[in-house]
Amino acid sequence: MDTLLEVENLKTHFFTRDGVVKAVDGVSFTLERGQTLGVVGESGSGKSVTAMSIMRLIKGPQGRVVEGSIRFKGQDVLAMDDEAVRDLRGNRIAMIFQDPMTSLNPVFRVGDQIAESLRVHKGMDKREAFERAVELLKLVGIPKAEARAKDYPHQFSGGMRQRAMIAMALACDPDILIADEPTTALDVTIQAQILELMIELQERTGTAIIMITHDLGVVADMADKVLVMYAGKPVEFGTADEVFYQPLHPYTWGLLDSLPRHDVSEKGELVPIVGQPPSLIDVPPGCAFHPRCPYATEKCRSEVPQFRDIVGSHGSACHFSEDPEFRRGVAVPAGVVA
């Protein structure tokens, strides 16, 4: 396999008056060409900061990567100078941000904003870049692309703005596309269209995708591997089938159990995860999930579980993950096959 990205023991902290926010605390993964990695977890779990660290968008002195490495095609991203980072960002690694309305500049036409990256990274002249921008808008399904390219962002609907952001991200044929909650503000029908579009574009271009979301259902059909994060730490990692059908961590069980299921006949309410994610300034001792975990013991409250591979490359950070009786017993949520 052609390895594009290697992230090892990444730690990104923010230094505030109230204390140190350990937003990302020991994340590791690899990404192959044409592969999709789903990064899931509740708000505040460190997903977006992980992506921004990869893009070198964390600015000091308040925030910085304090430990770990990020390597793109063998190159150390953290050691790159500003010029190399500008060439990498938007060119080799592109990002679709969560809210396209705040990511698109309201005073420039949509087509000109897409064309800008082509002029900067590909050396195209103004006319050539705009024509390519129109082609990209057609590619992502914008009707009457020639006319709409001359519109401003406020003249686009939410779904069209998200498509425009995807067109902008794909303009320079990136090796990696990072999608940070790309469907959060969209209705269900548009969500499905955007996800289908991303899958089609990946099949056509071979781009690797990092899909960041709080919803396991979003990555069910498109992720090859899934990284589950909680309180800045990885708590489970494996293939999509492993994480969905043989989950190892109680937090993953909670995320799965909160999903609506059309194939379960029993009537009943969704089961929420009790409580709230912890403050990243004052993370509980031991396992960060223990205040919300129904299976927590004294060991969980005092000893931090180390992330380890349990079955092949399927790993977890739970004191009980290696116990097959615990994994296959009553802890497995209803509807999940162990």
C-alpha atoms as a PDB file:
ATOM      1  CA  MET A   1       0.000   0.000   0.000  1.00  0.00           C
ATOM      2  CA  ASP A   2       1.034   3.595  -0.674  1.00  0.00           C
ATOM      3  CA  THR A   3       1.195   5.278   2.742  1.00  0.00           C
ATOM      4  CA  LEU A   4       0.389   8.984   2.486  1.00  0.00           C
ATOM      5  CA  LEU A   5       0.130  10.095   6.095  1.00  0.00           C
ATOM      6  CA  GLU A   6       1.666   8.854   9.328  1.00  0.00           C
ATOM      7  CA  VAL A   7       0.611  10.436  12.615  1.00  0.00           C
ATOM      8  CA  GLU A   8       2.407   9.161  15.707  1.00  0.00           C
ATOM      9  CA  ASN A   9       1.698  10.064  19.346  1.00  0.00           C
ATOM     10  CA  LEU A  10       0.387  13.505  18.384  1.00  0.00           C
ATOM     11  CA  LYS A  11      -0.171  15.863  21.314  1.00  0.00           C
ATOM     12  CA  THR A  12      -1.566  19.356  20.773  1.00  0.00           C
ATOM     13  CA  HIS A  13      -2.080  21.563  23.812  1.00  0.00           C
ATOM     14  CA  PHE A  14      -3.481  25.047  24.377  1.00  0.00           C
ATOM     15  CA  PHE A  15      -1.986  27.137  27.163  1.00  0.00           C
ATOM     16  CA  THR A  16      -4.661  29.319  28.775  1.00  0.00           C
ATOM     17  CA  ARG A  17      -5.031  31.361  31.952  1.00  0.00           C
ATOM     18  CA  ASP A  18      -7.168  28.602  33.436  1.00  0.00           C
ATOM     19  CA  GLY A  19      -4.706  25.830  32.659  1.00  0.00           C
ATOM     20  CA  VAL A  20      -3.411  23.573  29.892  1.00  0.00           C
ATOM     21  CA  VAL A  21      -6.064  22.253  27.511  1.00  0.00           C
ATOM     22  CA  LYS A  22      -4.875  18.860  26.270  1.00  0.00           C
ATOM     23  CA  ALA A  23      -6.992  18.953  23.127  1.00  0.00           C
ATOM     24  CA  VAL A  24      -5.130  16.076  21.442  1.00  0.00           C
ATOM     25  CA  ASP A  25      -3.277  13.693  23.705  1.00  0.00           C
ATOM     26  CA  GLY A  26      -1.514  10.799  22.007  1.00  0.00           C
ATOM     27  CA  VAL A  27      -3.230  10.173  18.648  1.00  0.00           C
ATOM     28  CA  SER A  28      -1.615   7.758  16.166  1.00  0.00           C
ATOM     29  CA  PHE A  29      -2.794   6.433  12.785  1.00  0.00           C
ATOM     30  CA  THR A  30      -1.717   5.872   9.194  1.00  0.00           C
ATOM     31  CA  LEU A  31      -3.610   6.670   6.000  1.00  0.00           C
ATOM     32  CA  GLU A  32      -3.172   4.880   2.683  1.00  0.00           C
ATOM     33  CA  ARG A  33      -3.952   6.173  -0.805  1.00  0.00           C
ATOM     34  CA  GLY A  34      -7.626   5.722  -1.681  1.00  0.00           C
ATOM     35  CA  GLN A  35      -8.505   4.869   1.928  1.00  0.00           C
ATOM     36  CA  THR A  36     -11.144   6.538   4.110  1.00  0.00           C
ATOM     37  CA  LEU A  37     -10.519   7.026   7.827  1.00  0.00           C
ATOM     38  CA  GLY A  38     -13.503   7.950   9.981  1.00  0.00           C
ATOM     39  CA  VAL A  39     -12.674   9.966  13.118  1.00  0.00           C
ATOM     40  CA  VAL A  40     -15.655   9.948  15.476  1.00  0.00           C
ATOM     41  CA  GLY A  41     -16.528  11.246  18.916  1.00  0.00           C
ATOM     42  CA  GLU A  42     -18.596  13.863  20.701  1.00  0.00           C
ATOM     43  CA  SER A  43     -17.852  17.578  20.508  1.00  0.00           C
ATOM     44  CA  GLY A  44     -14.677  18.368  22.415  1.00  0.00           C
ATOM     45  CA  SER A  45     -13.051  14.996  21.773  1.00  0.00           C
ATOM     46  CA  GLY A  46     -10.176  16.480  19.759  1.00  0.00           C
ATOM     47  CA  LYS A  47     -11.235  15.543  16.227  1.00  0.00           C
ATOM     48  CA  SER A  48     -11.010  18.976  14.604  1.00  0.00           C
ATOM     49  CA  VAL A  49      -7.817  19.927  16.459  1.00  0.00           C
ATOM     50  CA  THR A  50      -6.220  16.731  15.131  1.00  0.00           C
ATOM     51  CA  ALA A  51      -7.107  17.806  11.589  1.00  0.00           C
ATOM     52  CA  MET A  52      -5.918  21.370  12.139  1.00  0.00           C
ATOM     53  CA  SER A  53      -2.645  20.061  13.553  1.00  0.00           C
ATOM     54  CA  ILE A  54      -2.101  18.033  10.378  1.00  0.00           C
ATOM     55  CA  MET A  55      -2.760  21.179   8.320  1.00  0.00           C
ATOM     56  CA  ARG A  56      -0.405  23.231  10.554  1.00  0.00           C
ATOM     57  CA  LEU A  57      -3.278  25.593  11.400  1.00  0.00           C
ATOM     58  CA  ILE A  58      -2.608  25.640  15.153  1.00  0.00           C
ATOM     59  CA  LYS A  59      -0.938  28.942  15.949  1.00  0.00           C
ATOM     60  CA  GLY A  60       1.218  29.760  18.965  1.00  0.00           C
ATOM     61  CA  PRO A  61       1.918  30.847  21.526  1.00  0.00           C
ATOM     62  CA  GLN A  62      -1.373  29.656  23.025  1.00  0.00           C
ATOM     63  CA  GLY A  63      -1.632  26.499  20.961  1.00  0.00           C
ATOM     64  CA  ARG A  64       1.089  24.210  19.697  1.00  0.00           C
ATOM     65  CA  VAL A  65       2.038  20.619  19.003  1.00  0.00           C
ATOM     66  CA  VAL A  66       4.089  19.637  22.051  1.00  0.00           C
ATOM     67  CA  GLU A  67       4.942  16.064  21.101  1.00  0.00           C
ATOM     68  CA  GLY A  68       4.672  13.513  18.317  1.00  0.00           C
ATOM     69  CA  SER A  69       5.199  13.533  14.563  1.00  0.00           C
ATOM     70  CA  ILE A  70       3.206  14.089  11.366  1.00  0.00           C
ATOM     71  CA  ARG A  71       4.739  12.719   8.173  1.00  0.00           C
ATOM     72  CA  PHE A  72       3.293  13.238   4.695  1.00  0.00           C
ATOM     73  CA  LYS A  73       4.873  10.944   2.100  1.00  0.00           C
ATOM     74  CA  GLY A  74       7.842  10.586   4.445  1.00  0.00           C
ATOM     75  CA  GLN A  75       8.289  14.339   4.938  1.00  0.00           C
ATOM     76  CA  ASP A  76       8.139  15.811   8.448  1.00  0.00           C
ATOM     77  CA  VAL A  77       5.232  18.280   8.312  1.00  0.00           C
ATOM     78  CA  LEU A  78       6.100  19.850  11.669  1.00  0.00           C
ATOM     79  CA  ALA A  79       9.621  20.670  10.455  1.00  0.00           C
ATOM     80  CA  MET A  80       8.504  22.336   7.203  1.00  0.00           C
ATOM     81  CA  ASP A  81       9.127  26.041   6.687  1.00  0.00           C
ATOM     82  CA  ASP A  82       6.256  28.418   5.910  1.00  0.00           C
ATOM     83  CA  GLU A  83       6.702  28.192   2.137  1.00  0.00           C
ATOM     84  CA  ALA A  84       6.600  24.385   2.175  1.00  0.00           C
ATOM     85  CA  VAL A  85       3.498  24.452   4.386  1.00  0.00           C
ATOM     86  CA  ARG A  86       1.723  26.831   1.991  1.00  0.00           C
ATOM     87  CA  ASP A  87       2.503  24.473  -0.866  1.00  0.00           C
ATOM     88  CA  LEU A  88       1.190  21.515   1.137  1.00  0.00           C
ATOM     89  CA  ARG A  89      -1.967  23.183   2.425  1.00  0.00           C
ATOM     90  CA  GLY A  90      -4.775  23.284  -0.138  1.00  0.00           C
ATOM     91  CA  ASN A  91      -2.552  21.587  -2.710  1.00  0.00           C
ATOM     92  CA  ARG A  92      -1.496  18.163  -1.445  1.00  0.00           C
ATOM     93  CA  ILE A  93      -3.753  18.147   1.634  1.00  0.00           C
ATOM     94  CA  ALA A  94      -7.084  19.980   1.410  1.00  0.00           C
ATOM     95  CA  MET A  95      -9.779  20.529   4.018  1.00  0.00           C
ATOM     96  CA  ILE A  96     -13.540  20.997   3.922  1.00  0.00           C
ATOM     97  CA  PHE A  97     -14.457  23.036   6.976  1.00  0.00           C
ATOM     98  CA  GLN A  98     -17.556  22.570   9.095  1.00  0.00           C
ATOM     99  CA  ASP A  99     -19.388  25.766   8.170  1.00  0.00           C
ATOM    100  CA  PRO A 100     -18.979  26.805   4.524  1.00  0.00           C
ATOM    101  CA  MET A 101     -20.614  30.189   5.109  1.00  0.00           C
ATOM    102  CA  THR A 102     -17.795  31.240   7.434  1.00  0.00           C
ATOM    103  CA  SER A 103     -15.131  29.582   5.266  1.00  0.00           C
ATOM    104  CA  LEU A 104     -16.125  31.278   2.021  1.00  0.00           C
ATOM    105  CA  ASN A 105     -15.297  34.976   1.663  1.00  0.00           C
ATOM    106  CA  PRO A 106     -18.610  36.873   1.328  1.00  0.00           C
ATOM    107  CA  VAL A 107     -17.172  39.663  -0.865  1.00  0.00           C
ATOM    108  CA  PHE A 108     -15.694  37.460  -3.602  1.00  0.00           C
ATOM    109  CA  ARG A 109     -17.518  35.437  -6.223  1.00  0.00           C
ATOM    110  CA  VAL A 110     -17.554  31.681  -5.665  1.00  0.00           C
ATOM    111  CA  GLY A 111     -15.793  30.938  -8.956  1.00  0.00           C
ATOM    112  CA  ASP A 112     -12.999  33.406  -8.177  1.00  0.00           C
ATOM    113  CA  GLN A 113     -12.418  31.802  -4.767  1.00  0.00           C
ATOM    114  CA  ILE A 114     -12.053  28.364  -6.342  1.00  0.00           C
ATOM    115  CA  ALA A 115      -9.828  29.778  -9.072  1.00  0.00           C
ATOM    116  CA  GLU A 116      -7.492  31.440  -6.568  1.00  0.00           C
ATOM    117  CA  SER A 117      -5.941  28.162  -5.407  1.00  0.00           C
ATOM    118  CA  LEU A 118      -5.396  27.120  -9.029  1.00  0.00           C
ATOM    119  CA  ARG A 119      -3.558  30.362  -9.752  1.00  0.00           C
ATOM    120  CA  VAL A 120      -1.429  30.049  -6.598  1.00  0.00           C
ATOM    121  CA  HIS A 121      -0.581  26.339  -6.755  1.00  0.00           C
ATOM    122  CA  LYS A 122      -0.897  25.482 -10.459  1.00  0.00           C
ATOM    123  CA  GLY A 123       0.304  28.749 -12.042  1.00  0.00           C
ATOM    124  CA  MET A 124      -2.830  29.153 -14.197  1.00  0.00           C
ATOM    125  CA  ASP A 125      -3.780  32.557 -15.557  1.00  0.00           C
ATOM    126  CA  LYS A 126      -7.037  34.186 -14.453  1.00  0.00           C
ATOM    127  CA  ARG A 127      -9.159  32.997 -17.385  1.00  0.00           C
ATOM    128  CA  GLU A 128      -7.859  29.444 -17.376  1.00  0.00           C
ATOM    129  CA  ALA A 129      -8.345  29.142 -13.617  1.00  0.00           C
ATOM    130  CA  PHE A 130     -11.939  30.428 -13.796  1.00  0.00           C
ATOM    131  CA  GLU A 131     -12.795  27.971 -16.588  1.00  0.00           C
ATOM    132  CA  ARG A 132     -11.403  25.146 -14.454  1.00  0.00           C
ATOM    133  CA  ALA A 133     -13.457  26.435 -11.499  1.00  0.00           C
ATOM    134  CA  VAL A 134     -16.602  26.140 -13.616  1.00  0.00           C
ATOM    135  CA  GLU A 135     -15.634  22.551 -14.523  1.00  0.00           C
ATOM    136  CA  LEU A 136     -15.194  21.749 -10.828  1.00  0.00           C
ATOM    137  CA  LEU A 137     -18.611  23.204  -9.981  1.00  0.00           C
ATOM    138  CA  LYS A 138     -20.114  20.981 -12.688  1.00  0.00           C
ATOM    139  CA  LEU A 139     -18.216  18.021 -11.234  1.00  0.00           C
ATOM    140  CA  VAL A 140     -19.833  18.494  -7.820  1.00  0.00           C
ATOM    141  CA  GLY A 141     -23.305  18.851  -9.299  1.00  0.00           C
ATOM    142  CA  ILE A 142     -23.926  22.623  -9.333  1.00  0.00           C
ATOM    143  CA  PRO A 143     -26.579  23.360 -12.002  1.00  0.00           C
ATOM    144  CA  LYS A 144     -25.874  26.135 -14.512  1.00  0.00           C
ATOM    145  CA  ALA A 145     -22.290  26.244 -13.256  1.00  0.00           C
ATOM    146  CA  GLU A 146     -21.164  28.972 -15.686  1.00  0.00           C
ATOM    147  CA  ALA A 147     -23.676  31.424 -14.259  1.00  0.00           C
ATOM    148  CA  ARG A 148     -23.488  30.286 -10.634  1.00  0.00           C
ATOM    149  CA  ALA A 149     -19.691  30.667 -10.590  1.00  0.00           C
ATOM    150  CA  LYS A 150     -20.301  34.420 -10.786  1.00  0.00           C
ATOM    151  CA  ASP A 151     -22.580  34.395  -7.731  1.00  0.00           C
ATOM    152  CA  TYR A 152     -21.579  35.289  -4.187  1.00  0.00           C
ATOM    153  CA  PRO A 153     -21.718  32.736  -1.323  1.00  0.00           C
ATOM    154  CA  HIS A 154     -24.940  34.193   0.148  1.00  0.00           C
ATOM    155  CA  GLN A 155     -26.692  33.425  -3.147  1.00  0.00           C
ATOM    156  CA  PHE A 156     -25.994  29.697  -2.716  1.00  0.00           C
ATOM    157  CA  SER A 157     -28.086  27.361  -0.587  1.00  0.00           C
ATOM    158  CA  GLY A 158     -26.404  25.472   2.283  1.00  0.00           C
ATOM    159  CA  GLY A 159     -25.998  22.330   0.200  1.00  0.00           C
ATOM    160  CA  MET A 160     -24.604  24.276  -2.756  1.00  0.00           C
ATOM    161  CA  ARG A 161     -22.106  26.103  -0.529  1.00  0.00           C
ATOM    162  CA  GLN A 162     -20.902  22.754   0.787  1.00  0.00           C
ATOM    163  CA  ARG A 163     -20.529  21.487  -2.786  1.00  0.00           C
ATOM    164  CA  ALA A 164     -18.577  24.636  -3.626  1.00  0.00           C
ATOM    165  CA  MET A 165     -16.272  23.938  -0.684  1.00  0.00           C
ATOM    166  CA  ILE A 166     -15.713  20.408  -1.970  1.00  0.00           C
ATOM    167  CA  ALA A 167     -14.946  21.820  -5.437  1.00  0.00           C
ATOM    168  CA  MET A 168     -12.440  24.219  -3.878  1.00  0.00           C
ATOM    169  CA  ALA A 169     -10.815  21.409  -1.896  1.00  0.00           C
ATOM    170  CA  LEU A 170     -10.528  19.211  -4.998  1.00  0.00           C
ATOM    171  CA  ALA A 171      -9.244  21.986  -7.264  1.00  0.00           C
ATOM    172  CA  CYS A 172      -5.577  20.966  -7.040  1.00  0.00           C
ATOM    173  CA  ASP A 173      -6.181  17.184  -7.035  1.00  0.00           C
ATOM    174  CA  PRO A 174      -5.047  16.691  -3.413  1.00  0.00           C
ATOM    175  CA  ASP A 175      -3.709  13.395  -2.151  1.00  0.00           C
ATOM    176  CA  ILE A 176      -5.687  13.780   1.096  1.00  0.00           C
ATOM    177  CA  LEU A 177      -9.071  15.380   1.661  1.00  0.00           C
ATOM    178  CA  ILE A 178     -10.006  16.193   5.279  1.00  0.00           C
ATOM    179  CA  ALA A 179     -13.760  16.631   5.725  1.00  0.00           C
ATOM    180  CA  ASP A 180     -14.598  18.217   9.094  1.00  0.00           C
ATOM    181  CA  GLU A 181     -18.285  17.562   9.811  1.00  0.00           C
ATOM    182  CA  PRO A 182     -19.178  18.304   6.157  1.00  0.00           C
ATOM    183  CA  THR A 183     -22.869  17.428   6.585  1.00  0.00           C
ATOM    184  CA  THR A 184     -23.673  18.863  10.039  1.00  0.00           C
ATOM    185  CA  ALA A 185     -25.793  21.841   8.953  1.00  0.00           C
ATOM    186  CA  LEU A 186     -27.536  20.047   6.085  1.00  0.00           C
ATOM    187  CA  ASP A 187     -30.847  18.215   5.950  1.00  0.00           C
ATOM    188  CA  VAL A 188     -30.855  14.431   5.635  1.00  0.00           C
ATOM    189  CA  THR A 189     -31.411  14.341   1.867  1.00  0.00           C
ATOM    190  CA  ILE A 190     -28.566  16.772   1.157  1.00  0.00           C
ATOM    191  CA  GLN A 191     -26.338  14.874   3.632  1.00  0.00           C
ATOM    192  CA  ALA A 192     -26.802  11.698   1.630  1.00  0.00           C
ATOM    193  CA  GLN A 193     -26.060  13.523  -1.625  1.00  0.00           C
ATOM    194  CA  ILE A 194     -22.847  15.057  -0.239  1.00  0.00           C
ATOM    195  CA  LEU A 195     -21.586  11.710   1.101  1.00  0.00           C
ATOM    196  CA  GLU A 196     -22.420   9.975  -2.184  1.00  0.00           C
ATOM    197  CA  LEU A 197     -20.602  12.736  -4.056  1.00  0.00           C
ATOM    198  CA  MET A 198     -17.487  12.293  -1.921  1.00  0.00           C
ATOM    199  CA  ILE A 199     -17.490   8.536  -2.508  1.00  0.00           C
ATOM    200  CA  GLU A 200     -17.855   9.026  -6.283  1.00  0.00           C
ATOM    201  CA  LEU A 201     -15.041  11.589  -6.370  1.00  0.00           C
ATOM    202  CA  GLN A 202     -12.786   9.319  -4.321  1.00  0.00           C
ATOM    203  CA  GLU A 203     -13.396   6.425  -6.721  1.00  0.00           C
ATOM    204  CA  ARG A 204     -12.633   8.726  -9.637  1.00  0.00           C
ATOM    205  CA  THR A 205      -9.508  10.400  -8.250  1.00  0.00           C
ATOM    206  CA  GLY A 206      -8.089   7.955  -5.683  1.00  0.00           C
ATOM    207  CA  THR A 207      -7.986  10.655  -3.010  1.00  0.00           C
ATOM    208  CA  ALA A 208      -7.640   9.489   0.606  1.00  0.00           C
ATOM    209  CA  ILE A 209     -10.301  10.932   2.928  1.00  0.00           C
ATOM    210  CA  ILE A 210     -10.326  11.715   6.644  1.00  0.00           C
ATOM    211  CA  MET A 211     -13.994  12.004   7.596  1.00  0.00           C
ATOM    212  CA  ILE A 212     -14.486  13.788  10.933  1.00  0.00           C
ATOM    213  CA  THR A 213     -17.910  13.387  12.511  1.00  0.00           C
ATOM    214  CA  HIS A 214     -19.763  12.864  15.794  1.00  0.00           C
ATOM    215  CA  ASP A 215     -22.103  10.390  14.088  1.00  0.00           C
ATOM    216  CA  LEU A 216     -21.015   6.793  13.547  1.00  0.00           C
ATOM    217  CA  GLY A 217     -23.855   6.425  11.070  1.00  0.00           C
ATOM    218  CA  VAL A 218     -22.186   8.890   8.690  1.00  0.00           C
ATOM    219  CA  VAL A 219     -19.060   6.747   8.339  1.00  0.00           C
ATOM    220  CA  ALA A 220     -20.882   3.397   8.250  1.00  0.00           C
ATOM    221  CA  ASP A 221     -20.948   3.145   4.456  1.00  0.00           C
ATOM    222  CA  MET A 222     -17.748   4.934   3.507  1.00  0.00           C
ATOM    223  CA  ALA A 223     -15.009   4.376   6.117  1.00  0.00           C
ATOM    224  CA  ASP A 224     -12.387   1.664   5.761  1.00  0.00           C
ATOM    225  CA  LYS A 225     -11.010   2.312   9.245  1.00  0.00           C
ATOM    226  CA  VAL A 226     -12.490   4.108  12.245  1.00  0.00           C
ATOM    227  CA  LEU A 227     -10.738   6.030  15.026  1.00  0.00           C
ATOM    228  CA  VAL A 228     -12.921   6.709  18.083  1.00  0.00           C
ATOM    229  CA  MET A 229     -11.726   9.629  20.242  1.00  0.00           C
ATOM    230  CA  TYR A 230     -12.715  10.746  23.725  1.00  0.00           C
ATOM    231  CA  ALA A 231     -11.271  13.610  25.773  1.00  0.00           C
ATOM    232  CA  GLY A 232      -8.440  14.096  23.276  1.00  0.00           C
ATOM    233  CA  LYS A 233      -7.349  10.460  23.349  1.00  0.00           C
ATOM    234  CA  PRO A 234      -7.909   7.518  21.004  1.00  0.00           C
ATOM    235  CA  VAL A 235     -10.107   4.943  22.758  1.00  0.00           C
ATOM    236  CA  GLU A 236     -10.658   2.515  19.872  1.00  0.00           C
ATOM    237  CA  PHE A 237      -9.235   1.917  16.407  1.00  0.00           C
ATOM    238  CA  GLY A 238     -10.015  -0.757  13.827  1.00  0.00           C
ATOM    239  CA  THR A 239     -11.679  -1.499  10.531  1.00  0.00           C
ATOM    240  CA  ALA A 240     -15.264  -0.332  10.123  1.00  0.00           C
ATOM    241  CA  ASP A 241     -16.538  -3.899  10.458  1.00  0.00           C
ATOM    242  CA  GLU A 242     -14.531  -4.440  13.646  1.00  0.00           C
ATOM    243  CA  VAL A 243     -15.707  -1.234  15.281  1.00  0.00           C
ATOM    244  CA  PHE A 244     -19.348  -1.690  14.266  1.00  0.00           C
ATOM    245  CA  TYR A 245     -19.731  -5.411  14.910  1.00  0.00           C
ATOM    246  CA  GLN A 246     -17.064  -6.221  17.509  1.00  0.00           C
ATOM    247  CA  PRO A 247     -16.683  -2.988  19.511  1.00  0.00           C
ATOM    248  CA  LEU A 248     -14.180  -3.103  22.348  1.00  0.00           C
ATOM    249  CA  HIS A 249     -14.737   0.101  24.318  1.00  0.00           C
ATOM    250  CA  PRO A 250     -17.823   1.073  26.387  1.00  0.00           C
ATOM    251  CA  TYR A 251     -17.746   4.545  24.819  1.00  0.00           C
ATOM    252  CA  THR A 252     -18.056   2.996  21.353  1.00  0.00           C
ATOM    253  CA  TRP A 253     -20.945   0.882  22.641  1.00  0.00           C
ATOM    254  CA  GLY A 254     -22.628   4.060  23.843  1.00  0.00           C
ATOM    255  CA  LEU A 255     -22.229   5.761  20.460  1.00  0.00           C
ATOM    256  CA  LEU A 256     -23.616   2.698  18.698  1.00  0.00           C
ATOM    257  CA  ASP A 257     -26.498   2.297  21.126  1.00  0.00           C
ATOM    258  CA  SER A 258     -27.556   5.906  20.553  1.00  0.00           C
ATOM    259  CA  LEU A 259     -28.024   5.322  16.812  1.00  0.00           C
ATOM    260  CA  PRO A 260     -31.561   4.806  15.502  1.00  0.00           C
ATOM    261  CA  ARG A 261     -31.909   1.338  13.934  1.00  0.00           C
ATOM    262  CA  HIS A 262     -34.490   0.366  11.336  1.00  0.00           C
ATOM    263  CA  ASP A 263     -33.734  -3.356  11.672  1.00  0.00           C
ATOM    264  CA  VAL A 264     -34.615  -3.689  15.369  1.00  0.00           C
ATOM    265  CA  SER A 265     -38.267  -4.543  15.878  1.00  0.00           C
ATOM    266  CA  GLU A 266     -38.560  -3.642  19.569  1.00  0.00           C
ATOM    267  CA  LYS A 267     -40.019  -0.263  20.277  1.00  0.00           C
ATOM    268  CA  GLY A 268     -38.175   1.989  22.635  1.00  0.00           C
ATOM    269  CA  GLU A 269     -36.288   5.213  23.061  1.00  0.00           C
ATOM    270  CA  LEU A 270     -32.696   5.769  22.044  1.00  0.00           C
ATOM    271  CA  VAL A 271     -30.211   5.152  24.839  1.00  0.00           C
ATOM    272  CA  PRO A 272     -28.085   8.267  25.468  1.00  0.00           C
ATOM    273  CA  ILE A 273     -24.638   8.293  27.037  1.00  0.00           C
ATOM    274  CA  VAL A 274     -25.197   9.636  30.546  1.00  0.00           C
ATOM    275  CA  GLY A 275     -23.388  12.837  31.494  1.00  0.00           C
ATOM    276  CA  GLN A 276     -21.151  15.234  29.583  1.00  0.00           C
ATOM    277  CA  PRO A 277     -17.598  15.003  28.194  1.00  0.00           C
ATOM    278  CA  PRO A 278     -15.023  16.227  30.727  1.00  0.00           C
ATOM    279  CA  SER A 279     -13.185  19.524  30.732  1.00  0.00           C
ATOM    280  CA  LEU A 280      -9.889  19.050  28.902  1.00  0.00           C
ATOM    281  CA  ILE A 281      -8.240  21.287  31.512  1.00  0.00           C
ATOM    282  CA  ASP A 282      -9.332  19.052  34.373  1.00  0.00           C
ATOM    283  CA  VAL A 283      -9.608  15.513  32.970  1.00  0.00           C
ATOM    284  CA  PRO A 284     -10.714  12.957  35.595  1.00  0.00           C
ATOM    285  CA  PRO A 285      -7.994  10.675  36.994  1.00  0.00           C
ATOM    286  CA  GLY A 286      -7.756   7.164  35.613  1.00  0.00           C
ATOM    287  CA  CYS A 287      -9.890   6.507  32.545  1.00  0.00           C
ATOM    288  CA  ALA A 288     -11.409   9.798  31.373  1.00  0.00           C
ATOM    289  CA  PHE A 289     -14.654   7.988  30.520  1.00  0.00           C
ATOM    290  CA  HIS A 290     -15.109   6.388  33.951  1.00  0.00           C
ATOM    291  CA  PRO A 291     -17.614   8.975  35.341  1.00  0.00           C
ATOM    292  CA  ARG A 292     -19.989   8.037  32.491  1.00  0.00           C
ATOM    293  CA  CYS A 293     -19.166   4.334  32.199  1.00  0.00           C
ATOM    294  CA  PRO A 294     -21.612   1.862  33.821  1.00  0.00           C
ATOM    295  CA  TYR A 295     -18.835  -0.747  34.087  1.00  0.00           C
ATOM    296  CA  ALA A 296     -16.211   1.412  35.832  1.00  0.00           C
ATOM    297  CA  THR A 297     -14.320  -0.090  38.758  1.00  0.00           C
ATOM    298  CA  GLU A 298     -11.828   1.329  41.235  1.00  0.00           C
ATOM    299  CA  LYS A 299      -9.040   0.485  38.787  1.00  0.00           C
ATOM    300  CA  CYS A 300     -10.760   2.598  36.119  1.00  0.00           C
ATOM    301  CA  ARG A 301     -10.946   5.530  38.544  1.00  0.00           C
ATOM    302  CA  SER A 302      -7.262   5.471  39.444  1.00  0.00           C
ATOM    303  CA  GLU A 303      -5.264   3.941  36.571  1.00  0.00           C
ATOM    304  CA  VAL A 304      -5.101   5.337  33.034  1.00  0.00           C
ATOM    305  CA  PRO A 305      -5.710   2.503  30.520  1.00  0.00           C
ATOM    306  CA  GLN A 306      -3.047   2.225  27.832  1.00  0.00           C
ATOM    307  CA  PHE A 307      -4.071   1.875  24.204  1.00  0.00           C
ATOM    308  CA  ARG A 308      -3.129  -1.584  22.955  1.00  0.00           C
ATOM    309  CA  ASP A 309      -3.915  -3.872  20.042  1.00  0.00           C
ATOM    310  CA  ILE A 310      -6.387  -6.554  21.133  1.00  0.00           C
ATOM    311  CA  VAL A 311      -7.207  -8.552  17.981  1.00  0.00           C
ATOM    312  CA  GLY A 312      -4.757  -7.921  15.136  1.00  0.00           C
ATOM    313  CA  SER A 313      -4.710  -4.164  14.555  1.00  0.00           C
ATOM    314  CA  HIS A 314      -8.051  -3.679  16.331  1.00  0.00           C
ATOM    315  CA  GLY A 315      -7.103  -1.799  19.479  1.00  0.00           C
ATOM    316  CA  SER A 316      -8.674  -0.164  22.509  1.00  0.00           C
ATOM    317  CA  ALA A 317      -7.832   1.807  25.639  1.00  0.00           C
ATOM    318  CA  CYS A 318      -9.947  -0.015  28.227  1.00  0.00           C
ATOM    319  CA  HIS A 319      -8.875  -2.117  31.208  1.00  0.00           C
ATOM    320  CA  PHE A 320     -11.364  -4.810  30.232  1.00  0.00           C
ATOM    321  CA  SER A 321     -10.852  -4.973  26.459  1.00  0.00           C
ATOM    322  CA  GLU A 322      -8.701  -8.089  26.710  1.00  0.00           C
ATOM    323  CA  ASP A 323     -11.415  -9.969  28.615  1.00  0.00           C
ATOM    324  CA  PRO A 324     -13.441 -11.879  25.981  1.00  0.00           C
ATOM    325  CA  GLU A 325     -16.263 -12.544  28.455  1.00  0.00           C
ATOM    326  CA  PHE A 326     -16.638  -8.824  29.088  1.00  0.00           C
ATOM    327  CA  ARG A 327     -16.663  -8.068  25.360  1.00  0.00           C
ATOM    328  CA  ARG A 328     -19.191 -10.739  24.488  1.00  0.00           C
ATOM    329  CA  GLY A 329     -21.331 -10.463  27.606  1.00  0.00           C
ATOM    330  CA  VAL A 330     -24.087  -8.141  28.722  1.00  0.00           C
ATOM    331  CA  ALA A 331     -21.945  -5.097  27.961  1.00  0.00           C
ATOM    332  CA  VAL A 332     -22.538  -5.413  24.221  1.00  0.00           C
ATOM    333  CA  PRO A 333     -25.447  -3.125  23.327  1.00  0.00           C
ATOM    334  CA  ALA A 334     -28.640  -4.467  21.837  1.00  0.00           C
ATOM    335  CA  GLY A 335     -28.519  -4.958  18.088  1.00  0.00           C
ATOM    336  CA  VAL A 336     -24.721  -5.115  17.903  1.00  0.00           C
ATOM    337  CA  VAL A 337     -23.366  -8.524  16.897  1.00  0.00           C
ATOM    338  CA  ALA A 338     -20.327  -9.633  18.902  1.00  0.00           C
END
